[in-house]
Amino acid sequence: MNLTALQISEKLDGTVEGDAKVSIQSLSRIEDAEAGSISFMAHNKYLPYLSKTKASAVLISNDLKVEEAVSTTLIRVKDAYAAFTQLLIGWSEDKSNKKQGVHKSAIVESSAQIAADVFLGPYVCIGSNSVVESGVQIHAHCVIGDNVKIEKGTLLYPRVSIMDDTEIGSNCILHSGVVVGSDGFGFAPQDQQAYLKIPQLGKVIIKNNVEIGANTTIDRATLGATLVGEGVKLDNLVQIAHNVEIGEHTVIAAQTGVAGSSKIGSRCVIGGQVGIIGHLTLGDGVQIQGQTGVIKNIPDGHAVQGTPAIDYKSFYKSYAIFKRLPTIESRLSRLEKNK
């Protein structure tokens, strides 16, 4: 990046207050910015930093009022956070160095179909009858099983494991340590408290534009498919069990576990450390607060919290009473003594 404040404002449909010719070479947080960088301010709680920052320019939302004089150049935009995100995307694309070619240590079965511009890093393994389409980047030590399909532009960071029969859409991102298509947790109780392993013969289908965080696991179906819809975003350390279905553009935060055969709708927001038991149906637009335990179906558009999950407004009303229980208990004891 080497742009003037004016050039950045034109890209973001903004206006400049200050030196429009100031040069920007990097992005930074407003708290620790240096000269030559651009930062952003989307909330008035960061106003105290504005007079102290060394950033050469700051993106600021149109509705924020600045009472004190500042030395930095301001670039007014409709939404400073969204505008800074655009800069981050552009900066990332500028820094990215798409590789091509197959490393000499990679192992590719002869029946696999690999597009000419694919990158296969050191010690990548590609199984029989797998298909890797144009623009795919597979970095070091990834293992791709048999009959796997990876569509255009998908990126696999080092040490991703894709088991047999998995289908991954285009422009997906799988971070390090992801495992897709391992056996679901299926065991049938037997006599003498033993368990018989149930064969997991299904697969995993991941649609386009999905991002999966580091060390997340998605199990293959017993029969049929575990399905992750288009645009889904999974954080690090998420567990998706066999035959789960996740609707498009749902986001799930870290350390959440979804048990087998549950169905999650589209555009849901699920917080961290949530537990969802098996065979449930969660509607579209559901919001689940962090550390919630879900044990029954949730209709479209509902927001829940707590274990077991209840309406989040009811949860906070109950919590307000719960916090007062020691005081209430003391009052009751005094009343009983005074009888």
Protein backbone atom coordinates (compact mmCIF):
# COMPACT_ATOMS: atom_id res chain seq x y z
CA MET A 1 0.00 0.00 0.00
CA ASN A 2 1.23 3.46 -0.90
CA LEU A 3 -1.73 5.81 -1.30
CA THR A 4 -2.64 9.35 -0.34
CA ALA A 5 -5.54 10.12 1.98
CA LEU A 6 -7.38 11.54 -1.03
CA GLN A 7 -6.94 8.32 -3.02
CA ILE A 8 -8.21 6.27 -0.07
CA SER A 9 -11.21 8.54 0.40
CA GLU A 10 -12.10 8.20 -3.28
CA LYS A 11 -11.93 4.41 -3.00
CA LEU A 12 -14.23 4.46 0.02
CA ASP A 13 -16.58 7.22 -1.15
CA GLY A 14 -15.48 9.44 1.74
CA THR A 15 -14.39 13.02 2.36
CA VAL A 16 -11.07 14.34 3.68
CA GLU A 17 -10.66 16.69 6.62
CA GLY A 18 -7.00 17.74 6.79
CA ASP A 19 -4.01 17.02 4.58
CA ALA A 20 -5.36 15.14 1.55
CA LYS A 21 -1.83 14.52 0.24
CA VAL A 22 -0.52 12.67 3.29
CA SER A 23 0.99 9.32 2.30
CA ILE A 24 -0.25 6.02 3.78
CA GLN A 25 1.85 2.84 3.70
CA SER A 26 0.28 0.63 6.38
CA LEU A 27 -2.75 -0.14 8.55
CA SER A 28 -2.77 0.05 12.33
CA ARG A 29 -4.81 0.19 15.52
CA ILE A 30 -5.52 3.70 16.73
CA GLU A 31 -3.93 2.95 20.13
CA ASP A 32 -0.45 2.15 18.80
CA ALA A 33 -0.41 3.70 15.32
CA GLU A 34 2.73 5.22 13.83
CA ALA A 35 3.32 7.88 11.20
CA GLY A 36 2.52 6.66 7.69
CA SER A 37 -0.33 4.43 8.87
CA ILE A 38 -4.10 4.68 8.72
CA SER A 39 -6.44 3.59 11.50
CA PHE A 40 -10.17 3.84 12.12
CA MET A 41 -12.64 4.96 14.78
CA ALA A 42 -16.19 3.63 14.69
CA HIS A 43 -17.20 4.29 18.31
CA ASN A 44 -17.01 7.38 20.49
CA LYS A 45 -15.31 5.46 23.32
CA TYR A 46 -12.11 5.74 21.26
CA LEU A 47 -12.36 9.54 20.97
CA PRO A 48 -9.63 10.08 23.63
CA TYR A 49 -7.14 8.32 21.34
CA LEU A 50 -7.88 10.63 18.43
CA SER A 51 -5.95 13.59 19.84
CA LYS A 52 -3.00 11.35 20.83
CA THR A 53 -2.66 9.00 17.87
CA LYS A 54 0.39 9.18 15.62
CA ALA A 55 -1.55 7.77 12.67
CA SER A 56 -1.26 9.92 9.57
CA ALA A 57 -4.95 9.36 8.82
CA VAL A 58 -7.99 7.97 10.61
CA LEU A 59 -11.20 6.67 9.08
CA ILE A 60 -14.12 8.02 11.09
CA SER A 61 -17.85 7.44 10.79
CA ASN A 62 -19.89 10.42 9.60
CA ASP A 63 -22.09 10.47 12.70
CA LEU A 64 -19.22 10.84 15.19
CA LYS A 65 -18.60 14.38 16.40
CA VAL A 66 -15.04 15.56 17.10
CA GLU A 67 -15.02 18.50 19.52
CA GLU A 68 -11.25 18.92 19.95
CA ALA A 69 -8.73 19.88 17.28
CA VAL A 70 -6.71 16.94 15.98
CA SER A 71 -3.43 16.82 14.07
CA THR A 72 -4.20 13.68 12.07
CA THR A 73 -6.07 13.72 8.77
CA LEU A 74 -9.66 12.48 9.08
CA ILE A 75 -11.40 10.55 6.32
CA ARG A 76 -15.15 10.68 6.87
CA VAL A 77 -17.08 7.61 5.69
CA LYS A 78 -20.53 6.15 6.27
CA ASP A 79 -19.24 3.23 8.34
CA ALA A 80 -15.62 3.38 9.52
CA TYR A 81 -15.49 -0.30 10.53
CA ALA A 82 -16.79 -1.49 7.15
CA ALA A 83 -14.44 0.90 5.32
CA PHE A 84 -11.42 -0.30 7.29
CA THR A 85 -12.44 -3.88 6.53
CA GLN A 86 -12.29 -3.02 2.82
CA LEU A 87 -8.76 -1.72 3.32
CA LEU A 88 -7.81 -4.88 5.21
CA ILE A 89 -9.09 -7.02 2.34
CA GLY A 90 -7.16 -4.99 -0.21
CA TRP A 91 -4.01 -5.05 1.92
CA SER A 92 -4.30 -8.82 2.36
CA GLU A 93 -4.68 -9.33 -1.39
CA ASP A 94 -1.64 -7.14 -2.05
CA LYS A 95 0.44 -9.17 0.42
CA SER A 96 -0.76 -12.57 -0.72
CA ASN A 97 1.56 -14.42 -2.99
CA LYS A 98 -0.39 -17.11 -4.81
CA LYS A 99 1.89 -20.00 -5.53
CA GLN A 100 1.75 -22.51 -8.33
CA GLY A 101 3.42 -25.80 -8.98
CA VAL A 102 3.80 -29.15 -7.29
CA HIS A 103 6.57 -29.57 -4.74
CA LYS A 104 8.90 -32.46 -5.47
CA SER A 105 7.97 -34.15 -2.16
CA ALA A 106 4.22 -34.15 -2.87
CA ILE A 107 2.63 -37.54 -3.52
CA VAL A 108 -0.22 -37.60 -6.06
CA GLU A 109 -1.98 -40.79 -7.14
CA SER A 110 -1.97 -41.28 -10.91
CA SER A 111 -5.78 -41.33 -11.08
CA ALA A 112 -6.10 -37.92 -9.40
CA GLN A 113 -7.00 -34.94 -11.61
CA ILE A 114 -5.00 -31.83 -10.73
CA ALA A 115 -5.50 -28.53 -12.58
CA ALA A 116 -2.41 -27.00 -14.14
CA ASP A 117 -2.30 -23.92 -11.89
CA VAL A 118 -2.80 -25.71 -8.56
CA PHE A 119 -0.20 -25.33 -5.79
CA LEU A 120 0.75 -28.43 -3.80
CA GLY A 121 3.22 -27.74 -1.00
CA PRO A 122 5.81 -30.00 0.61
CA TYR A 123 4.64 -33.49 1.59
CA VAL A 124 1.07 -33.03 0.39
CA CYS A 125 -0.68 -36.35 -0.34
CA ILE A 126 -3.55 -36.65 -2.87
CA GLY A 127 -5.51 -39.91 -3.02
CA SER A 128 -7.02 -41.90 -5.87
CA ASN A 129 -9.67 -40.40 -8.15
CA SER A 130 -9.61 -37.05 -6.37
CA VAL A 131 -10.21 -33.84 -8.31
CA VAL A 132 -8.49 -30.54 -7.49
CA GLU A 133 -9.71 -27.64 -9.63
CA SER A 134 -8.07 -24.45 -10.88
CA GLY A 135 -6.51 -22.00 -8.43
CA VAL A 136 -6.59 -24.31 -5.41
CA GLN A 137 -3.75 -23.83 -2.90
CA ILE A 138 -2.86 -26.83 -0.71
CA HIS A 139 -0.03 -26.13 1.68
CA ALA A 140 2.50 -28.35 3.43
CA HIS A 141 1.59 -31.69 5.00
CA CYS A 142 -2.07 -31.67 3.94
CA VAL A 143 -3.61 -35.10 3.33
CA ILE A 144 -6.39 -35.48 0.75
CA GLY A 145 -8.10 -38.88 0.66
CA ASP A 146 -9.68 -40.83 -2.19
CA ASN A 147 -12.62 -39.54 -4.26
CA VAL A 148 -12.32 -36.03 -2.86
CA LYS A 149 -13.38 -32.99 -4.90
CA ILE A 150 -12.00 -29.51 -4.17
CA GLU A 151 -13.43 -26.75 -6.35
CA LYS A 152 -11.86 -23.58 -7.74
CA GLY A 153 -9.94 -21.11 -5.62
CA THR A 154 -10.10 -22.98 -2.32
CA LEU A 155 -7.21 -22.56 0.14
CA LEU A 156 -5.97 -25.24 2.54
CA TYR A 157 -3.43 -24.11 5.12
CA PRO A 158 -0.79 -26.59 6.40
CA ARG A 159 -1.80 -29.90 7.99
CA VAL A 160 -5.42 -30.03 6.89
CA SER A 161 -6.84 -33.55 6.54
CA ILE A 162 -9.66 -34.21 4.07
CA MET A 163 -10.92 -37.78 4.30
CA ASP A 164 -12.40 -39.94 1.52
CA ASP A 165 -15.48 -38.88 -0.47
CA THR A 166 -15.53 -35.29 0.81
CA GLU A 167 -16.77 -32.49 -1.45
CA ILE A 168 -15.49 -28.93 -0.89
CA GLY A 169 -16.88 -25.99 -2.85
CA SER A 170 -15.13 -23.03 -4.42
CA ASN A 171 -13.34 -20.19 -2.61
CA CYS A 172 -13.34 -21.92 0.76
CA ILE A 173 -10.65 -21.43 3.41
CA LEU A 174 -9.63 -24.26 5.73
CA HIS A 175 -7.16 -23.30 8.43
CA SER A 176 -4.41 -25.45 9.92
CA GLY A 177 -5.43 -28.62 11.71
CA VAL A 178 -8.92 -28.89 10.22
CA VAL A 179 -10.18 -32.46 9.83
CA VAL A 180 -13.11 -33.06 7.48
CA GLY A 181 -14.69 -36.46 6.99
CA SER A 182 -13.43 -38.44 9.95
CA ASP A 183 -15.78 -41.09 11.36
CA GLY A 184 -18.84 -39.92 13.22
CA PHE A 185 -19.21 -40.96 16.87
CA GLY A 186 -21.45 -43.97 16.34
CA PHE A 187 -21.46 -46.93 18.73
CA ALA A 188 -24.27 -49.41 19.50
CA PRO A 189 -24.52 -50.67 23.13
CA GLN A 190 -23.98 -54.41 23.55
CA ASP A 191 -24.08 -56.88 26.40
CA GLN A 192 -21.54 -56.54 29.25
CA GLN A 193 -21.50 -52.76 28.75
CA ALA A 194 -19.55 -53.10 25.49
CA TYR A 195 -20.07 -51.04 22.34
CA LEU A 196 -20.13 -52.05 18.70
CA LYS A 197 -18.72 -49.51 16.24
CA ILE A 198 -21.29 -48.46 13.63
CA PRO A 199 -19.70 -48.06 10.18
CA GLN A 200 -19.77 -44.47 8.95
CA LEU A 201 -20.41 -44.80 5.21
CA GLY A 202 -21.58 -41.28 4.33
CA LYS A 203 -19.61 -38.17 3.41
CA VAL A 204 -19.24 -34.44 4.02
CA ILE A 205 -20.38 -31.75 1.59
CA ILE A 206 -19.09 -28.21 2.09
CA LYS A 207 -20.60 -25.55 -0.16
CA ASN A 208 -18.94 -22.41 -1.62
CA ASN A 209 -17.33 -19.56 0.36
CA VAL A 210 -17.10 -21.45 3.65
CA GLU A 211 -14.33 -20.66 6.15
CA ILE A 212 -13.34 -23.22 8.77
CA GLY A 213 -11.11 -22.27 11.69
CA ALA A 214 -8.04 -24.07 13.01
CA ASN A 215 -8.51 -27.51 14.58
CA THR A 216 -12.21 -27.67 13.77
CA THR A 217 -13.59 -31.12 12.96
CA ILE A 218 -16.51 -32.10 10.74
CA ASP A 219 -17.53 -35.77 10.84
CA ARG A 220 -18.75 -37.83 7.91
CA ALA A 221 -22.35 -39.02 7.95
CA THR A 222 -23.37 -42.52 8.94
CA LEU A 223 -25.34 -42.57 5.68
CA GLY A 224 -26.01 -39.62 3.38
CA ALA A 225 -24.07 -36.43 4.05
CA THR A 226 -23.04 -33.98 6.73
CA LEU A 227 -23.79 -30.63 5.06
CA VAL A 228 -22.23 -27.19 5.57
CA GLY A 229 -24.12 -24.55 3.58
CA GLU A 230 -22.79 -21.71 1.46
CA GLY A 231 -21.07 -18.86 3.29
CA VAL A 232 -20.94 -20.61 6.68
CA LYS A 233 -18.15 -19.43 8.99
CA LEU A 234 -16.85 -21.79 11.67
CA ASP A 235 -14.40 -20.57 14.31
CA ASN A 236 -11.47 -22.54 15.72
CA LEU A 237 -12.14 -25.70 17.74
CA VAL A 238 -15.71 -26.32 16.60
CA GLN A 239 -17.08 -29.89 16.49
CA ILE A 240 -19.72 -30.76 13.88
CA ALA A 241 -20.98 -34.32 14.30
CA HIS A 242 -22.29 -36.82 11.76
CA ASN A 243 -25.34 -35.94 9.65
CA VAL A 244 -25.51 -32.37 10.95
CA GLU A 245 -26.83 -29.82 8.46
CA ILE A 246 -25.92 -26.12 8.71
CA GLY A 247 -27.80 -23.55 6.64
CA GLU A 248 -26.17 -20.85 4.56
CA HIS A 249 -24.39 -17.86 6.14
CA THR A 250 -24.59 -19.20 9.69
CA VAL A 251 -21.66 -18.33 11.98
CA ILE A 252 -20.48 -20.47 14.91
CA ALA A 253 -17.90 -19.33 17.47
CA ALA A 254 -15.11 -21.34 19.09
CA GLN A 255 -15.53 -24.43 21.28
CA THR A 256 -19.10 -25.07 20.20
CA GLY A 257 -20.23 -28.66 19.66
CA VAL A 258 -23.19 -29.80 17.57
CA ALA A 259 -24.32 -33.40 18.14
CA GLY A 260 -25.41 -35.79 15.43
CA SER A 261 -28.31 -35.22 13.04
CA SER A 262 -29.21 -31.73 14.30
CA LYS A 263 -30.28 -29.22 11.67
CA ILE A 264 -29.31 -25.55 11.98
CA GLY A 265 -31.03 -22.96 9.81
CA SER A 266 -29.64 -20.12 7.72
CA ARG A 267 -28.17 -16.85 9.05
CA CYS A 268 -27.94 -18.12 12.62
CA VAL A 269 -25.42 -16.65 15.08
CA ILE A 270 -24.10 -19.14 17.63
CA GLY A 271 -21.74 -17.99 20.38
CA GLY A 272 -18.74 -19.74 21.89
CA GLN A 273 -18.89 -22.86 24.08
CA VAL A 274 -22.45 -23.67 23.04
CA GLY A 275 -23.62 -27.28 23.25
CA ILE A 276 -26.41 -28.51 20.96
CA ILE A 277 -27.75 -32.01 21.52
CA GLY A 278 -28.58 -34.35 18.66
CA HIS A 279 -31.66 -34.59 16.45
CA LEU A 280 -32.81 -30.99 17.01
CA THR A 281 -34.09 -28.43 14.49
CA LEU A 282 -33.00 -24.81 14.87
CA GLY A 283 -34.81 -22.34 12.63
CA ASP A 284 -33.47 -19.52 10.47
CA GLY A 285 -32.07 -16.40 12.13
CA VAL A 286 -31.65 -18.03 15.55
CA GLN A 287 -29.24 -16.36 18.01
CA ILE A 288 -27.61 -18.44 20.74
CA GLN A 289 -25.57 -16.69 23.41
CA GLY A 290 -22.25 -18.11 24.59
CA GLN A 291 -22.13 -21.09 26.98
CA THR A 292 -25.74 -22.04 26.25
CA GLY A 293 -26.97 -25.62 26.35
CA VAL A 294 -29.62 -26.31 23.72
CA ILE A 295 -31.83 -29.34 24.44
CA LYS A 296 -34.96 -28.61 22.38
CA ASN A 297 -35.95 -27.17 19.01
CA ILE A 298 -35.77 -23.39 18.50
CA PRO A 299 -38.18 -21.60 16.14
CA ASP A 300 -37.12 -19.05 13.52
CA GLY A 301 -35.74 -15.78 14.82
CA HIS A 302 -35.57 -16.68 18.52
CA ALA A 303 -32.69 -15.65 20.79
CA VAL A 304 -31.79 -17.93 23.71
CA GLN A 305 -29.34 -18.20 26.58
CA GLY A 306 -28.62 -20.43 29.56
CA THR A 307 -28.56 -24.15 30.29
CA PRO A 308 -31.07 -25.43 29.46
CA ALA A 309 -31.66 -22.67 26.91
CA ILE A 310 -34.52 -20.24 27.48
CA ASP A 311 -35.51 -16.92 25.91
CA TYR A 312 -32.59 -14.58 26.60
CA LYS A 313 -34.80 -11.84 28.10
CA SER A 314 -36.27 -14.37 30.51
CA PHE A 315 -32.74 -15.54 31.29
CA TYR A 316 -31.64 -12.05 32.37
CA LYS A 317 -34.77 -11.55 34.47
CA SER A 318 -34.07 -14.88 36.17
CA TYR A 319 -30.41 -13.98 36.62
CA ALA A 320 -31.35 -10.71 38.29
CA ILE A 321 -33.29 -12.75 40.88
CA PHE A 322 -30.55 -15.39 41.17
CA LYS A 323 -27.95 -12.75 42.08
CA ARG A 324 -30.18 -11.61 44.93
CA LEU A 325 -30.75 -15.09 46.40
CA PRO A 326 -28.24 -14.70 49.28
CA THR A 327 -29.95 -11.45 50.31
CA ILE A 328 -33.39 -12.98 49.94
CA GLU A 329 -32.32 -16.02 52.01
CA SER A 330 -31.03 -13.73 54.79
CA ARG A 331 -34.28 -11.80 54.85
CA LEU A 332 -36.30 -15.02 55.03
CA SER A 333 -34.15 -16.27 57.93
CA ARG A 334 -34.70 -13.04 59.85
CA LEU A 335 -38.44 -13.20 59.23
CA GLU A 336 -38.59 -16.79 60.46
CA LYS A 337 -36.69 -15.89 63.63
CA ASN A 338 -39.08 -13.01 64.30
CA LYS A 339 -42.20 -15.20 64.12
